[in-house]
N, C-alpha and C. Protein backbone atom coordinates (compact mmCIF):
# COMPACT_ATOMS: atom_id res chain seq x y z
N MET A 1 39.11 -83.05 -3.37
CA MET A 1 40.00 -83.92 -4.13
C MET A 1 39.87 -83.61 -5.62
N GLU A 2 41.00 -83.42 -6.27
CA GLU A 2 41.00 -83.12 -7.70
C GLU A 2 40.75 -84.38 -8.50
N PRO A 3 40.07 -84.25 -9.64
CA PRO A 3 39.83 -85.44 -10.46
C PRO A 3 41.13 -85.97 -11.06
N ARG A 4 41.19 -87.28 -11.22
CA ARG A 4 42.39 -87.90 -11.79
C ARG A 4 42.53 -87.57 -13.28
N PHE A 5 41.39 -87.54 -14.00
CA PHE A 5 41.41 -87.30 -15.43
C PHE A 5 40.73 -85.98 -15.76
N LEU A 6 41.29 -85.30 -16.76
CA LEU A 6 40.79 -83.99 -17.18
C LEU A 6 40.27 -84.05 -18.61
N LEU A 7 39.23 -83.26 -18.87
CA LEU A 7 38.78 -83.05 -20.24
C LEU A 7 39.82 -82.20 -20.97
N LEU A 8 39.82 -82.29 -22.28
CA LEU A 8 40.76 -81.45 -23.04
C LEU A 8 40.50 -79.98 -22.78
N SER A 9 39.24 -79.61 -22.57
CA SER A 9 38.93 -78.21 -22.27
C SER A 9 39.51 -77.79 -20.92
N ASP A 10 39.56 -78.73 -19.96
CA ASP A 10 40.18 -78.44 -18.66
C ASP A 10 41.68 -78.22 -18.82
N VAL A 11 42.30 -79.06 -19.64
CA VAL A 11 43.74 -78.93 -19.90
C VAL A 11 44.01 -77.60 -20.58
N ALA A 12 43.18 -77.24 -21.54
CA ALA A 12 43.35 -75.96 -22.23
C ALA A 12 43.28 -74.80 -21.25
N ALA A 13 42.34 -74.87 -20.32
CA ALA A 13 42.21 -73.81 -19.32
C ALA A 13 43.44 -73.76 -18.42
N GLU A 14 43.94 -74.92 -18.03
CA GLU A 14 45.14 -74.98 -17.17
C GLU A 14 46.35 -74.36 -17.86
N LEU A 15 46.50 -74.64 -19.15
CA LEU A 15 47.66 -74.16 -19.90
C LEU A 15 47.43 -72.80 -20.56
N ASN A 16 46.20 -72.31 -20.45
CA ASN A 16 45.83 -71.03 -21.07
C ASN A 16 46.09 -71.04 -22.58
N VAL A 17 45.63 -72.13 -23.22
CA VAL A 17 45.71 -72.27 -24.67
C VAL A 17 44.33 -72.68 -25.17
N SER A 18 44.17 -72.80 -26.46
CA SER A 18 42.86 -73.17 -27.03
C SER A 18 42.64 -74.68 -26.94
N ASP A 19 41.38 -75.07 -27.00
CA ASP A 19 41.03 -76.49 -27.02
C ASP A 19 41.68 -77.18 -28.21
N SER A 20 41.70 -76.50 -29.36
CA SER A 20 42.27 -77.11 -30.56
C SER A 20 43.78 -77.32 -30.42
N GLN A 21 44.46 -76.45 -29.70
CA GLN A 21 45.89 -76.65 -29.46
C GLN A 21 46.12 -77.90 -28.62
N VAL A 22 45.29 -78.09 -27.60
CA VAL A 22 45.42 -79.28 -26.76
C VAL A 22 45.11 -80.53 -27.57
N TYR A 23 44.08 -80.47 -28.39
CA TYR A 23 43.73 -81.62 -29.24
C TYR A 23 44.91 -81.98 -30.13
N HIS A 24 45.55 -81.00 -30.73
CA HIS A 24 46.72 -81.26 -31.58
C HIS A 24 47.86 -81.87 -30.76
N MET A 25 48.09 -81.37 -29.56
CA MET A 25 49.15 -81.92 -28.70
C MET A 25 48.88 -83.39 -28.37
N VAL A 26 47.62 -83.71 -28.13
CA VAL A 26 47.24 -85.09 -27.82
C VAL A 26 47.36 -85.98 -29.06
N ARG A 27 46.81 -85.53 -30.18
CA ARG A 27 46.83 -86.33 -31.41
C ARG A 27 48.24 -86.55 -31.93
N SER A 28 49.14 -85.60 -31.69
CA SER A 28 50.53 -85.74 -32.16
C SER A 28 51.36 -86.60 -31.21
N GLY A 29 50.82 -86.89 -30.03
CA GLY A 29 51.56 -87.68 -29.06
C GLY A 29 52.41 -86.85 -28.12
N GLU A 30 52.40 -85.55 -28.31
CA GLU A 30 53.19 -84.66 -27.44
C GLU A 30 52.70 -84.73 -26.00
N LEU A 31 51.39 -84.79 -25.81
CA LEU A 31 50.79 -84.87 -24.48
C LEU A 31 50.06 -86.21 -24.37
N PRO A 32 50.49 -87.10 -23.48
CA PRO A 32 49.84 -88.41 -23.36
C PRO A 32 48.38 -88.27 -22.91
N ALA A 33 47.51 -89.05 -23.55
CA ALA A 33 46.09 -89.04 -23.22
C ALA A 33 45.50 -90.41 -23.56
N ILE A 34 44.28 -90.63 -23.09
CA ILE A 34 43.57 -91.87 -23.41
C ILE A 34 42.21 -91.52 -24.01
N LYS A 35 41.67 -92.46 -24.78
CA LYS A 35 40.31 -92.33 -25.31
C LYS A 35 39.45 -93.31 -24.52
N ILE A 36 38.32 -92.83 -24.02
CA ILE A 36 37.45 -93.69 -23.24
C ILE A 36 36.00 -93.54 -23.70
N GLY A 37 35.20 -94.51 -23.33
CA GLY A 37 33.77 -94.45 -23.62
C GLY A 37 33.44 -94.80 -25.05
N GLY A 38 32.18 -95.00 -25.29
CA GLY A 38 31.69 -95.37 -26.60
C GLY A 38 31.93 -94.32 -27.66
N ARG A 39 32.00 -93.08 -27.25
CA ARG A 39 32.23 -91.98 -28.20
C ARG A 39 33.70 -91.63 -28.32
N GLY A 40 34.56 -92.34 -27.60
CA GLY A 40 36.00 -92.11 -27.70
C GLY A 40 36.43 -90.73 -27.27
N GLN A 41 35.97 -90.31 -26.11
CA GLN A 41 36.33 -88.99 -25.62
C GLN A 41 37.73 -89.03 -25.01
N TRP A 42 38.49 -87.98 -25.28
CA TRP A 42 39.86 -87.88 -24.78
C TRP A 42 39.88 -87.44 -23.33
N ARG A 43 40.82 -88.04 -22.57
CA ARG A 43 41.06 -87.63 -21.18
C ARG A 43 42.56 -87.59 -20.96
N VAL A 44 43.01 -86.61 -20.20
CA VAL A 44 44.42 -86.47 -19.84
C VAL A 44 44.53 -86.67 -18.33
N GLU A 45 45.39 -87.58 -17.94
CA GLU A 45 45.59 -87.82 -16.52
C GLU A 45 46.34 -86.63 -15.92
N ARG A 46 45.87 -86.15 -14.78
CA ARG A 46 46.47 -84.97 -14.15
C ARG A 46 47.98 -85.16 -13.95
N ALA A 47 48.39 -86.36 -13.54
CA ALA A 47 49.82 -86.63 -13.32
C ALA A 47 50.61 -86.47 -14.62
N ARG A 48 50.04 -86.91 -15.75
CA ARG A 48 50.71 -86.76 -17.04
C ARG A 48 50.81 -85.29 -17.44
N LEU A 49 49.77 -84.52 -17.13
CA LEU A 49 49.81 -83.08 -17.41
C LEU A 49 50.91 -82.42 -16.60
N GLU A 50 51.04 -82.77 -15.34
CA GLU A 50 52.09 -82.18 -14.50
C GLU A 50 53.47 -82.57 -15.02
N GLU A 51 53.63 -83.83 -15.47
CA GLU A 51 54.91 -84.26 -16.06
C GLU A 51 55.21 -83.46 -17.33
N TYR A 52 54.18 -83.24 -18.14
CA TYR A 52 54.33 -82.46 -19.36
C TYR A 52 54.79 -81.03 -19.04
N ILE A 53 54.18 -80.44 -18.04
CA ILE A 53 54.54 -79.08 -17.64
C ILE A 53 56.00 -79.04 -17.17
N GLN A 54 56.42 -80.00 -16.37
CA GLN A 54 57.81 -80.04 -15.91
C GLN A 54 58.77 -80.21 -17.08
N LEU A 55 58.39 -81.05 -18.06
CA LEU A 55 59.21 -81.23 -19.25
C LEU A 55 59.36 -79.92 -20.00
N LYS A 56 58.26 -79.18 -20.12
CA LYS A 56 58.32 -77.90 -20.82
C LYS A 56 59.18 -76.88 -20.08
N TYR A 57 59.14 -76.91 -18.74
CA TYR A 57 60.04 -76.04 -17.96
C TYR A 57 61.50 -76.39 -18.26
N ALA A 58 61.82 -77.69 -18.29
CA ALA A 58 63.19 -78.12 -18.57
C ALA A 58 63.61 -77.73 -19.98
N GLU A 59 62.74 -77.94 -20.96
CA GLU A 59 63.05 -77.55 -22.33
C GLU A 59 63.25 -76.05 -22.46
N THR A 60 62.43 -75.28 -21.78
CA THR A 60 62.56 -73.83 -21.82
C THR A 60 63.87 -73.38 -21.18
N ALA A 61 64.21 -73.97 -20.04
CA ALA A 61 65.46 -73.61 -19.37
C ALA A 61 66.66 -73.93 -20.26
N GLU A 62 66.62 -75.06 -20.96
CA GLU A 62 67.71 -75.42 -21.87
C GLU A 62 67.79 -74.41 -23.02
N TRP A 63 66.64 -74.02 -23.55
CA TRP A 63 66.62 -73.05 -24.63
C TRP A 63 67.19 -71.71 -24.16
N VAL A 64 66.81 -71.28 -22.96
CA VAL A 64 67.29 -70.01 -22.42
C VAL A 64 68.81 -70.05 -22.26
N ARG A 65 69.33 -71.18 -21.75
CA ARG A 65 70.79 -71.30 -21.61
C ARG A 65 71.49 -71.20 -22.96
N GLY A 66 70.90 -71.74 -23.99
CA GLY A 66 71.50 -71.71 -25.32
C GLY A 66 71.25 -70.42 -26.08
N ASN A 67 70.36 -69.59 -25.58
CA ASN A 67 70.02 -68.33 -26.25
C ASN A 67 69.99 -67.19 -25.24
N PRO A 68 71.16 -66.86 -24.70
CA PRO A 68 71.18 -65.81 -23.68
C PRO A 68 70.81 -64.45 -24.24
N LEU A 69 70.27 -63.62 -23.37
CA LEU A 69 70.01 -62.23 -23.75
C LEU A 69 71.32 -61.51 -23.93
N THR A 70 71.40 -60.69 -24.92
CA THR A 70 72.59 -59.89 -25.11
C THR A 70 72.18 -58.43 -25.07
N ASP A 71 73.03 -57.64 -24.49
CA ASP A 71 72.76 -56.21 -24.45
C ASP A 71 72.95 -55.63 -25.84
N ARG A 72 72.02 -54.81 -26.22
CA ARG A 72 72.15 -54.16 -27.51
C ARG A 72 72.99 -52.90 -27.33
N ASP A 73 73.82 -52.66 -28.31
CA ASP A 73 74.64 -51.43 -28.27
C ASP A 73 73.73 -50.25 -28.57
N PRO A 74 73.79 -49.22 -27.72
CA PRO A 74 72.99 -48.02 -28.00
C PRO A 74 73.52 -47.34 -29.26
N GLU A 75 72.61 -46.83 -30.03
CA GLU A 75 73.03 -46.18 -31.28
C GLU A 75 73.36 -44.75 -31.07
C-alpha cells in the first residue's frame, strides 16, 4: 500500500525535479500541501499530486494545440 502523504523529496523524485523546485511549487500554492508536526514539515497528499499531474497534462495539451509545429522551409 502506498503512503497517503509524501515528503517533498518524494514528490521531487516522482516529478524528476529538484527538492527546491517542489518547495517553491508548494510555497507559491501551485501544488497543494499541508504542514504537520511541531517542526512544520511539508507533506503532499498523493491524490493531490496526481491531480496536479493531470492538470499539467491538460495545460500542456492546450499549449500544444495553440503552438503547433510548423515545417521549416529547407534553404
